[in-house]
Amino acid sequence: MSIRENHAEIIFDAISENEAFARIVVSGFIMPIDPTIDQLNEFKTIVSEAVTNCVIHAYENKGGKIKLILDCYDNEITMAIIDYGNGIGDIDQAKELFYTSKPEEERTGMGLTIMEVFSDEFYIHSKLGEGTIVKVKKHIINSQQEYA
């Protein structure tokens, strides 16, 4: 099997409409590796949760920029979602299942948990007033390998 390498970076507005855009970008980036449907859906869910968190929590629906970085080395995908918004004061608290800083908006408080569960590796770094970096790694077992 040959080694595949690829890199992409994109910056887009932190508006809810761009959640779908980010899902399409991620899907297009990983399709050459031939992921399973489940893996494709997990990546799309991770990026959806991350972009939604940027729009609602980092920028509070007031606009800003989101940077999406994708790297592929062989069958391992690394994805980073970066915002330059409010930041997270207590990451451990934010990672608690059902915790939300916006209960008035009927948020479920499951976004970070979902991202972590769907990732092989999950990393989050945040600084108040400067923003947040969410980084995930996932090894892709392509659909042909799955059924071999």
Protein backbone atom coordinates (compact mmCIF):
# COMPACT_ATOMS: atom_id res chain seq x y z
CA MET A 1 0.00 0.00 0.00
CA SER A 2 1.36 3.43 -0.87
CA ILE A 3 1.65 6.26 1.63
CA ARG A 4 -0.84 9.06 1.02
CA GLU A 5 -0.13 12.57 2.20
CA ASN A 6 -2.42 15.55 1.92
CA HIS A 7 -2.92 18.88 3.69
CA ALA A 8 -5.66 21.50 3.54
CA GLU A 9 -6.44 24.69 5.46
CA ILE A 10 -9.53 26.78 5.12
CA ILE A 11 -10.81 29.81 6.99
CA PHE A 12 -14.50 30.62 6.97
CA ASP A 13 -17.04 32.79 8.76
CA ALA A 14 -18.41 31.56 12.08
CA ILE A 15 -22.04 31.44 10.99
CA SER A 16 -24.39 28.49 11.34
CA GLU A 17 -24.77 28.10 7.57
CA ASN A 18 -21.09 27.13 7.35
CA GLU A 19 -21.58 24.02 9.47
CA ALA A 20 -22.82 22.23 6.32
CA PHE A 21 -19.94 23.72 4.33
CA ALA A 22 -17.40 22.33 6.83
CA ARG A 23 -19.03 18.89 6.63
CA ILE A 24 -18.68 18.91 2.84
CA VAL A 25 -15.03 19.99 3.03
CA VAL A 26 -14.18 17.21 5.49
CA SER A 27 -16.08 14.62 3.45
CA GLY A 28 -14.30 15.62 0.26
CA PHE A 29 -10.92 15.52 1.97
CA ILE A 30 -11.26 12.00 3.39
CA MET A 31 -13.15 10.34 0.49
CA PRO A 32 -9.96 9.34 -1.41
CA ILE A 33 -9.05 7.11 1.55
CA ASP A 34 -12.34 5.23 1.07
CA PRO A 35 -13.70 5.43 4.63
CA THR A 36 -16.64 3.37 5.77
CA ILE A 37 -20.00 5.13 5.95
CA ASP A 38 -19.75 5.08 9.76
CA GLN A 39 -16.31 6.72 9.70
CA LEU A 40 -17.48 9.37 7.25
CA ASN A 41 -20.48 10.13 9.45
CA GLU A 42 -18.27 10.32 12.56
CA PHE A 43 -15.99 12.88 10.90
CA LYS A 44 -18.96 14.92 9.73
CA THR A 45 -20.43 14.82 13.24
CA ILE A 46 -17.14 15.89 14.84
CA VAL A 47 -16.76 18.89 12.56
CA SER A 48 -20.45 19.80 12.96
CA GLU A 49 -20.15 19.81 16.76
CA ALA A 50 -16.92 21.81 16.66
CA VAL A 51 -18.23 24.45 14.23
CA THR A 52 -21.48 24.77 16.18
CA ASN A 53 -19.49 25.30 19.39
CA CYS A 54 -17.47 28.04 17.67
CA VAL A 55 -20.58 29.84 16.42
CA ILE A 56 -22.59 29.59 19.65
CA HIS A 57 -20.00 29.60 22.42
CA ALA A 58 -16.82 31.17 21.05
CA TYR A 59 -18.48 33.98 19.15
CA GLU A 60 -22.00 33.97 20.64
CA ASN A 61 -23.55 34.28 17.16
CA LYS A 62 -21.77 37.62 16.63
CA GLY A 63 -19.45 36.46 13.85
CA GLY A 64 -15.77 35.65 13.73
CA LYS A 65 -13.51 33.26 11.87
CA ILE A 66 -13.03 29.52 12.10
CA LYS A 67 -9.93 27.80 10.79
CA LEU A 68 -10.13 24.16 9.73
CA ILE A 69 -6.88 22.27 9.18
CA LEU A 70 -6.87 18.77 7.73
CA ASP A 71 -3.88 16.46 7.39
CA CYS A 72 -3.67 12.97 6.01
CA TYR A 73 -0.73 10.67 6.39
CA ASP A 74 -1.35 7.20 5.06
CA ASN A 75 -4.71 6.29 6.63
CA GLU A 76 -4.57 8.66 9.59
CA ILE A 77 -6.53 11.89 9.49
CA THR A 78 -5.78 14.79 11.81
CA MET A 79 -8.34 17.57 11.98
CA ALA A 80 -7.98 20.83 13.90
CA ILE A 81 -10.79 23.33 14.39
CA ILE A 82 -9.59 26.70 15.67
CA ASP A 83 -11.50 29.77 16.78
CA TYR A 84 -10.28 33.10 18.11
CA GLY A 85 -13.27 33.77 20.33
CA ASN A 86 -14.14 33.72 24.02
CA GLY A 87 -12.20 30.64 25.04
CA ILE A 88 -13.21 28.11 27.68
CA GLY A 89 -12.59 28.90 31.33
CA ASP A 90 -12.74 25.34 32.65
CA ILE A 91 -12.13 22.63 30.05
CA ASP A 92 -12.75 19.79 32.51
CA GLN A 93 -16.16 21.23 33.36
CA ALA A 94 -16.94 21.84 29.68
CA LYS A 95 -16.16 18.16 28.95
CA GLU A 96 -18.62 16.93 31.59
CA LEU A 97 -21.54 15.12 30.03
CA PHE A 98 -24.63 17.38 29.79
CA TYR A 99 -22.79 20.49 30.99
CA THR A 100 -23.69 23.57 28.96
CA SER A 101 -22.93 27.22 29.46
CA LYS A 102 -26.09 28.07 27.49
CA PRO A 103 -28.97 26.16 29.16
CA GLU A 104 -31.41 28.90 28.12
CA GLU A 105 -30.81 27.85 24.51
CA GLU A 106 -31.69 24.24 25.26
CA ARG A 107 -28.17 22.99 24.49
CA THR A 108 -27.56 19.32 25.31
CA GLY A 109 -24.00 19.67 26.63
CA MET A 110 -22.85 16.64 24.67
CA GLY A 111 -20.74 18.20 21.88
CA LEU A 112 -17.29 17.67 23.38
CA THR A 113 -18.23 14.19 24.57
CA ILE A 114 -19.40 13.21 21.10
CA MET A 115 -16.22 14.56 19.51
CA GLU A 116 -14.06 12.66 21.99
CA VAL A 117 -15.96 9.37 21.62
CA PHE A 118 -15.71 9.47 17.81
CA SER A 119 -11.95 10.23 17.89
CA ASP A 120 -8.98 7.92 18.34
CA GLU A 121 -7.18 10.88 19.93
CA PHE A 122 -8.83 14.05 21.22
CA TYR A 123 -7.11 17.23 22.37
CA ILE A 124 -8.52 20.59 23.39
CA HIS A 125 -6.67 23.72 24.39
CA SER A 126 -8.30 27.02 25.23
CA LYS A 127 -7.39 30.39 26.64
CA LEU A 128 -9.97 32.91 27.81
CA GLY A 129 -10.27 35.81 25.40
CA GLU A 130 -8.01 34.15 22.82
CA GLY A 131 -9.87 31.12 21.53
CA THR A 132 -9.91 27.36 21.39
CA ILE A 133 -8.19 24.60 19.44
CA VAL A 134 -9.87 21.22 19.13
CA LYS A 135 -7.71 18.57 17.52
CA VAL A 136 -8.76 15.02 16.67
CA LYS A 137 -7.00 12.08 15.10
CA LYS A 138 -8.65 9.11 13.56
CA HIS A 139 -7.24 6.08 11.78
CA ILE A 140 -9.29 5.13 8.75
CA ILE A 141 -9.91 1.50 7.95
CA ASN A 142 -11.15 1.81 4.40
CA SER A 143 -14.35 0.12 3.35
CA GLN A 144 -12.50 -2.52 1.31
CA GLN A 145 -10.39 -3.50 4.34
CA GLU A 146 -13.49 -3.70 6.52
CA TYR A 147 -15.10 -6.31 4.34
CA ALA A 148 -11.94 -8.31 3.58
